[in-house]
Full PDB file with SEQRES, HELIX, SHEET, SSBOND, CRYST1, ORIGX, SCALE, CONECT and MASTER records, all heavy atoms in Angstrom:
SEQRES   1 A   32  ILE HIS GLY SER VAL VAL LYS PHE GLN HIS PRO LEU PRO          
SEQRES   2 A   32  MET ASP ILE THR MET LEU PRO SER ILE ILE LEU ALA ILE          
SEQRES   3 A   32  ALA GLU GLN ARG SER LEU                                      
HELIX    1 AA1 ILE A   16  MET A   18  5                                   3    
HELIX    2 AA2 LEU A   19  ALA A   27  1                                   9    
CRYST1    1.000    1.000    1.000  90.00  90.00  90.00 P 1           1          
ORIGX1      1.000000  0.000000  0.000000        0.00000                         
ORIGX2      0.000000  1.000000  0.000000        0.00000                         
ORIGX3      0.000000  0.000000  1.000000        0.00000                         
SCALE1      1.000000  0.000000  0.000000        0.00000                         
SCALE2      0.000000  1.000000  0.000000        0.00000                         
SCALE3      0.000000  0.000000  1.000000        0.00000                         
ATOM      1  N   ILE A   1      90.633 100.060  89.159  1.00  0.00           N  
ATOM      2  CA  ILE A   1      89.424 100.226  88.358  1.00  0.00           C  
ATOM      3  C   ILE A   1      89.304  99.050  87.425  1.00  0.00           C  
ATOM      4  O   ILE A   1      90.182  98.812  86.602  1.00  0.00           O  
ATOM      5  CB  ILE A   1      89.482 101.538  87.566  1.00  0.00           C  
ATOM      6  CG1 ILE A   1      89.685 102.710  88.537  1.00  0.00           C  
ATOM      7  CG2 ILE A   1      88.263 101.723  86.713  1.00  0.00           C  
ATOM      8  CD1 ILE A   1      89.778 104.026  87.870  1.00  0.00           C  
ATOM      9  N   HIS A   2      88.248  98.279  87.537  1.00  0.00           N  
ATOM     10  CA  HIS A   2      87.970  97.156  86.655  1.00  0.00           C  
ATOM     11  C   HIS A   2      86.654  97.441  85.964  1.00  0.00           C  
ATOM     12  O   HIS A   2      85.592  97.386  86.592  1.00  0.00           O  
ATOM     13  CB  HIS A   2      87.880  95.838  87.459  1.00  0.00           C  
ATOM     14  CG  HIS A   2      89.149  95.539  88.229  1.00  0.00           C  
ATOM     15  ND1 HIS A   2      90.266  94.996  87.657  1.00  0.00           N  
ATOM     16  CD2 HIS A   2      89.457  95.743  89.550  1.00  0.00           C  
ATOM     17  CE1 HIS A   2      91.215  94.837  88.573  1.00  0.00           C  
ATOM     18  NE2 HIS A   2      90.734  95.291  89.740  1.00  0.00           N  
ATOM     19  N   GLY A   3      86.750  97.803  84.650  1.00  0.00           N  
ATOM     20  CA  GLY A   3      85.540  98.221  83.947  1.00  0.00           C  
ATOM     21  C   GLY A   3      85.073  99.522  84.522  1.00  0.00           C  
ATOM     22  O   GLY A   3      85.774 100.510  84.516  1.00  0.00           O  
ATOM     23  N   SER A   4      83.852  99.539  85.071  1.00  0.00           N  
ATOM     24  CA  SER A   4      83.324 100.750  85.691  1.00  0.00           C  
ATOM     25  C   SER A   4      83.205 100.600  87.195  1.00  0.00           C  
ATOM     26  O   SER A   4      82.636 101.439  87.859  1.00  0.00           O  
ATOM     27  CB  SER A   4      81.934 101.071  85.103  1.00  0.00           C  
ATOM     28  OG  SER A   4      81.062  99.979  85.329  1.00  0.00           O  
ATOM     29  N   VAL A   5      83.768  99.496  87.720  1.00  0.00           N  
ATOM     30  CA  VAL A   5      83.674  99.240  89.161  1.00  0.00           C  
ATOM     31  C   VAL A   5      84.958  99.715  89.830  1.00  0.00           C  
ATOM     32  O   VAL A   5      86.065  99.333  89.434  1.00  0.00           O  
ATOM     33  CB  VAL A   5      83.462  97.734  89.443  1.00  0.00           C  
ATOM     34  CG1 VAL A   5      83.372  97.501  90.946  1.00  0.00           C  
ATOM     35  CG2 VAL A   5      82.226  97.254  88.732  1.00  0.00           C  
ATOM     36  N   VAL A   6      84.848 100.560  90.812  1.00  0.00           N  
ATOM     37  CA  VAL A   6      85.991 101.103  91.529  1.00  0.00           C  
ATOM     38  C   VAL A   6      86.164 100.347  92.827  1.00  0.00           C  
ATOM     39  O   VAL A   6      85.244 100.240  93.624  1.00  0.00           O  
ATOM     40  CB  VAL A   6      85.801 102.603  91.814  1.00  0.00           C  
ATOM     41  CG1 VAL A   6      87.002 103.141  92.580  1.00  0.00           C  
ATOM     42  CG2 VAL A   6      85.587 103.371  90.524  1.00  0.00           C  
ATOM     43  N   LYS A   7      87.379  99.784  93.015  1.00  0.00           N  
ATOM     44  CA  LYS A   7      87.681  99.057  94.241  1.00  0.00           C  
ATOM     45  C   LYS A   7      88.921  99.678  94.872  1.00  0.00           C  
ATOM     46  O   LYS A   7      89.937  99.849  94.204  1.00  0.00           O  
ATOM     47  CB  LYS A   7      87.949  97.579  93.958  1.00  0.00           C  
ATOM     48  CG  LYS A   7      86.720  96.854  93.389  1.00  0.00           C  
ATOM     49  CD  LYS A   7      87.026  95.396  93.168  1.00  0.00           C  
ATOM     50  CE  LYS A   7      85.800  94.656  92.642  1.00  0.00           C  
ATOM     51  NZ  LYS A   7      86.064  93.219  92.401  1.00  0.00           N  
ATOM     52  N   PHE A   8      88.824 100.056  96.144  1.00  0.00           N  
ATOM     53  CA  PHE A   8      89.960 100.632  96.846  1.00  0.00           C  
ATOM     54  C   PHE A   8      90.817  99.532  97.448  1.00  0.00           C  
ATOM     55  O   PHE A   8      90.301  98.508  97.909  1.00  0.00           O  
ATOM     56  CB  PHE A   8      89.488 101.580  97.965  1.00  0.00           C  
ATOM     57  CG  PHE A   8      88.914 102.860  97.442  1.00  0.00           C  
ATOM     58  CD1 PHE A   8      87.565 102.969  97.134  1.00  0.00           C  
ATOM     59  CD2 PHE A   8      89.757 103.946  97.235  1.00  0.00           C  
ATOM     60  CE1 PHE A   8      87.059 104.151  96.645  1.00  0.00           C  
ATOM     61  CE2 PHE A   8      89.229 105.135  96.749  1.00  0.00           C  
ATOM     62  CZ  PHE A   8      87.886 105.236  96.452  1.00  0.00           C  
ATOM     63  N   GLN A   9      92.168  99.748  97.378  1.00  0.00           N  
ATOM     64  CA  GLN A   9      93.079  98.840  98.044  1.00  0.00           C  
ATOM     65  C   GLN A   9      93.995  99.640  98.938  1.00  0.00           C  
ATOM     66  O   GLN A   9      94.099 100.853  98.816  1.00  0.00           O  
ATOM     67  CB  GLN A   9      93.909  98.063  97.019  1.00  0.00           C  
ATOM     68  CG  GLN A   9      94.894  98.922  96.232  1.00  0.00           C  
ATOM     69  CD  GLN A   9      95.722  98.073  95.304  1.00  0.00           C  
ATOM     70  OE1 GLN A   9      95.269  97.034  94.834  1.00  0.00           O  
ATOM     71  NE2 GLN A   9      96.947  98.507  95.047  1.00  0.00           N  
ATOM     72  N   HIS A  10      94.671  98.962  99.836  1.00  0.00           N  
ATOM     73  CA  HIS A  10      95.571  99.657 100.750  1.00  0.00           C  
ATOM     74  C   HIS A  10      96.739 100.257  99.962  1.00  0.00           C  
ATOM     75  O   HIS A  10      97.384  99.546  99.192  1.00  0.00           O  
ATOM     76  CB  HIS A  10      96.104  98.676 101.799  1.00  0.00           C  
ATOM     77  CG  HIS A  10      96.946  99.362 102.843  1.00  0.00           C  
ATOM     78  ND1 HIS A  10      96.415 100.182 103.803  1.00  0.00           N  
ATOM     79  CD2 HIS A  10      98.295  99.348 103.039  1.00  0.00           C  
ATOM     80  CE1 HIS A  10      97.386 100.649 104.571  1.00  0.00           C  
ATOM     81  NE2 HIS A  10      98.541 100.159 104.121  1.00  0.00           N  
ATOM     82  N   PRO A  11      97.008 101.549 100.073  1.00  0.00           N  
ATOM     83  CA  PRO A  11      98.048 102.178  99.269  1.00  0.00           C  
ATOM     84  C   PRO A  11      99.445 101.698  99.644  1.00  0.00           C  
ATOM     85  O   PRO A  11      99.740 101.493 100.828  1.00  0.00           O  
ATOM     86  CB  PRO A  11      97.888 103.662  99.586  1.00  0.00           C  
ATOM     87  CG  PRO A  11      97.262 103.701 100.941  1.00  0.00           C  
ATOM     88  CD  PRO A  11      96.360 102.507 101.002  1.00  0.00           C  
ATOM     89  N   LEU A  12     100.294 101.527  98.631  1.00  0.00           N  
ATOM     90  CA  LEU A  12     101.692 101.198  98.880  1.00  0.00           C  
ATOM     91  C   LEU A  12     102.433 102.467  99.274  1.00  0.00           C  
ATOM     92  O   LEU A  12     102.251 103.522  98.648  1.00  0.00           O  
ATOM     93  CB  LEU A  12     102.323 100.595  97.625  1.00  0.00           C  
ATOM     94  CG  LEU A  12     101.754  99.242  97.189  1.00  0.00           C  
ATOM     95  CD1 LEU A  12     102.368  98.838  95.864  1.00  0.00           C  
ATOM     96  CD2 LEU A  12     102.013  98.176  98.240  1.00  0.00           C  
ATOM     97  N   PRO A  13     103.257 102.413 100.298  1.00  0.00           N  
ATOM     98  CA  PRO A  13     103.919 103.632 100.772  1.00  0.00           C  
ATOM     99  C   PRO A  13     105.047 104.058  99.829  1.00  0.00           C  
ATOM    100  O   PRO A  13     105.645 103.243  99.134  1.00  0.00           O  
ATOM    101  CB  PRO A  13     104.476 103.216 102.137  1.00  0.00           C  
ATOM    102  CG  PRO A  13     104.731 101.742 101.992  1.00  0.00           C  
ATOM    103  CD  PRO A  13     103.633 101.218 101.113  1.00  0.00           C  
ATOM    104  N   MET A  14     105.320 105.374  99.813  1.00  0.00           N  
ATOM    105  CA  MET A  14     106.490 105.891  99.116  1.00  0.00           C  
ATOM    106  C   MET A  14     107.743 105.416  99.838  1.00  0.00           C  
ATOM    107  O   MET A  14     107.738 105.244 101.069  1.00  0.00           O  
ATOM    108  CB  MET A  14     106.465 107.425  99.084  1.00  0.00           C  
ATOM    109  CG  MET A  14     105.330 108.011  98.261  1.00  0.00           C  
ATOM    110  SD  MET A  14     105.617 107.818  96.513  1.00  0.00           S  
ATOM    111  CE  MET A  14     104.437 109.010  95.846  1.00  0.00           C  
ATOM    112  N   ASP A  15     108.836 105.215  99.101  1.00  0.00           N  
ATOM    113  CA  ASP A  15     110.075 104.707  99.700  1.00  0.00           C  
ATOM    114  C   ASP A  15     110.807 105.863 100.386  1.00  0.00           C  
ATOM    115  O   ASP A  15     111.570 106.606  99.767  1.00  0.00           O  
ATOM    116  CB  ASP A  15     110.952 104.081  98.619  1.00  0.00           C  
ATOM    117  CG  ASP A  15     112.145 103.325  99.216  1.00  0.00           C  
ATOM    118  OD1 ASP A  15     112.349 103.444 100.440  1.00  0.00           O  
ATOM    119  OD2 ASP A  15     112.841 102.637  98.448  1.00  0.00           O  
ATOM    120  N   ILE A  16     110.552 106.012 101.689  1.00  0.00           N  
ATOM    121  CA  ILE A  16     111.114 107.132 102.440  1.00  0.00           C  
ATOM    122  C   ILE A  16     112.616 107.025 102.578  1.00  0.00           C  
ATOM    123  O   ILE A  16     113.329 108.023 102.704  1.00  0.00           O  
ATOM    124  CB  ILE A  16     110.438 107.215 103.842  1.00  0.00           C  
ATOM    125  CG1 ILE A  16     110.741 108.569 104.505  1.00  0.00           C  
ATOM    126  CG2 ILE A  16     110.902 106.055 104.708  1.00  0.00           C  
ATOM    127  CD1 ILE A  16     110.036 109.700 103.846  1.00  0.00           C  
ATOM    128  N   THR A  17     113.144 105.786 102.537  1.00  0.00           N  
ATOM    129  CA  THR A  17     114.587 105.600 102.720  1.00  0.00           C  
ATOM    130  C   THR A  17     115.395 106.161 101.545  1.00  0.00           C  
ATOM    131  O   THR A  17     116.583 106.460 101.699  1.00  0.00           O  
ATOM    132  CB  THR A  17     114.923 104.108 102.884  1.00  0.00           C  
ATOM    133  OG1 THR A  17     114.537 103.400 101.693  1.00  0.00           O  
ATOM    134  CG2 THR A  17     114.167 103.516 104.070  1.00  0.00           C  
ATOM    135  N   MET A  18     114.745 106.292 100.390  1.00  0.00           N  
ATOM    136  CA  MET A  18     115.448 106.789  99.215  1.00  0.00           C  
ATOM    137  C   MET A  18     115.425 108.308  99.116  1.00  0.00           C  
ATOM    138  O   MET A  18     116.126 108.888  98.283  1.00  0.00           O  
ATOM    139  CB  MET A  18     114.814 106.200  97.946  1.00  0.00           C  
ATOM    140  CG  MET A  18     114.978 104.708  97.802  1.00  0.00           C  
ATOM    141  SD  MET A  18     116.718 104.248  97.617  1.00  0.00           S  
ATOM    142  CE  MET A  18     117.089 105.010  96.049  1.00  0.00           C  
ATOM    143  N   LEU A  19     114.647 108.964  99.974  1.00  0.00           N  
ATOM    144  CA  LEU A  19     114.469 110.404  99.845  1.00  0.00           C  
ATOM    145  C   LEU A  19     115.772 111.197  99.998  1.00  0.00           C  
ATOM    146  O   LEU A  19     116.041 112.095  99.189  1.00  0.00           O  
ATOM    147  CB  LEU A  19     113.425 110.877 100.858  1.00  0.00           C  
ATOM    148  CG  LEU A  19     112.829 112.273 100.607  1.00  0.00           C  
ATOM    149  CD1 LEU A  19     112.266 112.371  99.207  1.00  0.00           C  
ATOM    150  CD2 LEU A  19     111.755 112.579 101.636  1.00  0.00           C  
ATOM    151  N   PRO A  20     116.632 110.896 100.996  1.00  0.00           N  
ATOM    152  CA  PRO A  20     117.878 111.680 101.099  1.00  0.00           C  
ATOM    153  C   PRO A  20     118.761 111.568  99.853  1.00  0.00           C  
ATOM    154  O   PRO A  20     119.313 112.565  99.390  1.00  0.00           O  
ATOM    155  CB  PRO A  20     118.565 111.080 102.329  1.00  0.00           C  
ATOM    156  CG  PRO A  20     117.462 110.512 103.139  1.00  0.00           C  
ATOM    157  CD  PRO A  20     116.469 109.981 102.139  1.00  0.00           C  
ATOM    158  N   SER A  21     118.894 110.338  99.320  1.00  0.00           N  
ATOM    159  CA  SER A  21     119.737 110.167  98.134  1.00  0.00           C  
ATOM    160  C   SER A  21     119.116 110.856  96.916  1.00  0.00           C  
ATOM    161  O   SER A  21     119.825 111.381  96.047  1.00  0.00           O  
ATOM    162  CB  SER A  21     119.962 108.681  97.853  1.00  0.00           C  
ATOM    163  OG  SER A  21     118.725 108.021  97.622  1.00  0.00           O  
ATOM    164  N   ILE A  22     117.772 110.865  96.842  1.00  0.00           N  
ATOM    165  CA  ILE A  22     117.096 111.563  95.739  1.00  0.00           C  
ATOM    166  C   ILE A  22     117.359 113.061  95.817  1.00  0.00           C  
ATOM    167  O   ILE A  22     117.701 113.706  94.812  1.00  0.00           O  
ATOM    168  CB  ILE A  22     115.581 111.283  95.784  1.00  0.00           C  
ATOM    169  CG1 ILE A  22     115.299 109.820  95.424  1.00  0.00           C  
ATOM    170  CG2 ILE A  22     114.824 112.216  94.840  1.00  0.00           C  
ATOM    171  CD1 ILE A  22     113.861 109.404  95.639  1.00  0.00           C  
ATOM    172  N   ILE A  23     117.221 113.633  97.032  1.00  0.00           N  
ATOM    173  CA  ILE A  23     117.452 115.068  97.208  1.00  0.00           C  
ATOM    174  C   ILE A  23     118.898 115.427  96.873  1.00  0.00           C  
ATOM    175  O   ILE A  23     119.178 116.444  96.228  1.00  0.00           O  
ATOM    176  CB  ILE A  23     117.092 115.493  98.644  1.00  0.00           C  
ATOM    177  CG1 ILE A  23     115.583 115.317  98.881  1.00  0.00           C  
ATOM    178  CG2 ILE A  23     117.525 116.925  98.917  1.00  0.00           C  
ATOM    179  CD1 ILE A  23     115.148 115.574 100.303  1.00  0.00           C  
ATOM    180  N   LEU A  24     119.848 114.573  97.288  1.00  0.00           N  
ATOM    181  CA  LEU A  24     121.259 114.816  96.995  1.00  0.00           C  
ATOM    182  C   LEU A  24     121.525 114.778  95.490  1.00  0.00           C  
ATOM    183  O   LEU A  24     122.240 115.631  94.945  1.00  0.00           O  
ATOM    184  CB  LEU A  24     122.127 113.783  97.717  1.00  0.00           C  
ATOM    185  CG  LEU A  24     123.648 113.918  97.498  1.00  0.00           C  
ATOM    186  CD1 LEU A  24     124.130 115.269  98.012  1.00  0.00           C  
ATOM    187  CD2 LEU A  24     124.387 112.779  98.210  1.00  0.00           C  
ATOM    188  N   ALA A  25     120.925 113.800  94.810  1.00  0.00           N  
ATOM    189  CA  ALA A  25     121.117 113.687  93.365  1.00  0.00           C  
ATOM    190  C   ALA A  25     120.556 114.904  92.628  1.00  0.00           C  
ATOM    191  O   ALA A  25     121.143 115.387  91.656  1.00  0.00           O  
ATOM    192  CB  ALA A  25     120.457 112.407  92.852  1.00  0.00           C  
ATOM    193  N   ILE A  26     119.424 115.399  93.110  1.00  0.00           N  
ATOM    194  CA  ILE A  26     118.835 116.592  92.488  1.00  0.00           C  
ATOM    195  C   ILE A  26     119.716 117.815  92.718  1.00  0.00           C  
ATOM    196  O   ILE A  26     119.941 118.624  91.812  1.00  0.00           O  
ATOM    197  CB  ILE A  26     117.420 116.837  93.056  1.00  0.00           C  
ATOM    198  CG1 ILE A  26     116.475 115.693  92.645  1.00  0.00           C  
ATOM    199  CG2 ILE A  26     116.867 118.177  92.590  1.00  0.00           C  
ATOM    200  CD1 ILE A  26     115.139 115.741  93.343  1.00  0.00           C  
ATOM    201  N   ALA A  27     120.250 117.934  93.940  1.00  0.00           N  
ATOM    202  CA  ALA A  27     121.063 119.094  94.288  1.00  0.00           C  
ATOM    203  C   ALA A  27     122.368 119.142  93.499  1.00  0.00           C  
ATOM    204  O   ALA A  27     122.960 120.216  93.325  1.00  0.00           O  
ATOM    205  CB  ALA A  27     121.366 119.102  95.784  1.00  0.00           C  
ATOM    206  N   GLU A  28     122.838 117.998  93.009  1.00  0.00           N  
ATOM    207  CA  GLU A  28     124.102 117.957  92.269  1.00  0.00           C  
ATOM    208  C   GLU A  28     123.969 118.459  90.833  1.00  0.00           C  
ATOM    209  O   GLU A  28     124.975 118.720  90.176  1.00  0.00           O  
ATOM    210  CB  GLU A  28     124.651 116.526  92.250  1.00  0.00           C  
ATOM    211  CG  GLU A  28     125.163 116.060  93.613  1.00  0.00           C  
ATOM    212  CD  GLU A  28     125.618 114.615  93.583  1.00  0.00           C  
ATOM    213  OE1 GLU A  28     125.274 113.915  92.592  1.00  0.00           O  
ATOM    214  OE2 GLU A  28     126.308 114.194  94.514  1.00  0.00           O  
ATOM    215  N   GLN A  29     122.751 118.590  90.354  1.00  0.00           N  
ATOM    216  CA  GLN A  29     122.540 119.017  88.970  1.00  0.00           C  
ATOM    217  C   GLN A  29     122.763 120.525  88.839  1.00  0.00           C  
ATOM    218  O   GLN A  29     122.410 121.291  89.729  1.00  0.00           O  
ATOM    219  CB  GLN A  29     121.126 118.657  88.499  1.00  0.00           C  
ATOM    220  CG  GLN A  29     120.782 117.182  88.650  1.00  0.00           C  
ATOM    221  CD  GLN A  29     121.744 116.289  87.910  1.00  0.00           C  
ATOM    222  OE1 GLN A  29     122.153 116.586  86.787  1.00  0.00           O  
ATOM    223  NE2 GLN A  29     122.108 115.176  88.538  1.00  0.00           N  
ATOM    224  N   ARG A  30     123.340 120.930  87.702  1.00  0.00           N  
ATOM    225  CA  ARG A  30     123.634 122.342  87.475  1.00  0.00           C  
ATOM    226  C   ARG A  30     122.584 123.019  86.588  1.00  0.00           C  
ATOM    227  O   ARG A  30     122.226 124.163  86.831  1.00  0.00           O  
ATOM    228  CB  ARG A  30     125.013 122.488  86.836  1.00  0.00           C  
ATOM    229  CG  ARG A  30     126.171 122.094  87.746  1.00  0.00           C  
ATOM    230  CD  ARG A  30     126.310 123.062  88.895  1.00  0.00           C  
ATOM    231  NE  ARG A  30     127.469 122.810  89.705  1.00  0.00           N  
ATOM    232  CZ  ARG A  30     128.666 123.341  89.501  1.00  0.00           C  
ATOM    233  NH1 ARG A  30     128.833 124.168  88.473  1.00  0.00           N  
ATOM    234  NH2 ARG A  30     129.679 123.086  90.280  1.00  0.00           N  
ATOM    235  N   SER A  31     122.152 122.343  85.547  1.00  0.00           N  
ATOM    236  CA  SER A  31     121.200 122.964  84.622  1.00  0.00           C  
ATOM    237  C   SER A  31     119.772 122.750  85.101  1.00  0.00           C  
ATOM    238  O   SER A  31     119.463 121.755  85.766  1.00  0.00           O  
ATOM    239  CB  SER A  31     121.365 122.395  83.215  1.00  0.00           C  
ATOM    240  OG  SER A  31     120.841 121.094  83.133  1.00  0.00           O  
ATOM    241  N   LEU A  32     118.893 123.663  84.730  1.00  0.00           N  
ATOM    242  CA  LEU A  32     117.498 123.571  85.146  1.00  0.00           C  
ATOM    243  C   LEU A  32     116.830 122.333  84.565  1.00  0.00           C  
ATOM    244  O   LEU A  32     116.080 121.639  85.264  1.00  0.00           O  
ATOM    245  CB  LEU A  32     116.753 124.838  84.714  1.00  0.00           C  
ATOM    246  CG  LEU A  32     115.271 124.916  85.088  1.00  0.00           C  
ATOM    247  CD1 LEU A  32     115.079 124.807  86.599  1.00  0.00           C  
ATOM    248  CD2 LEU A  32     114.657 126.209  84.561  1.00  0.00           C  
TER     249      LEU A  32                                                      
MASTER        0    0    0    2    0    0    0    6  248    1    0    3          
END                                                                             
């Protein structure tokens, strides 16, 4: 968004390679 003009760009992908390590790190936590 530049001023009031909206310009679409090609979206950057989420880093799928990091997903397993992220899930593992979350699962290791004990407190909510």
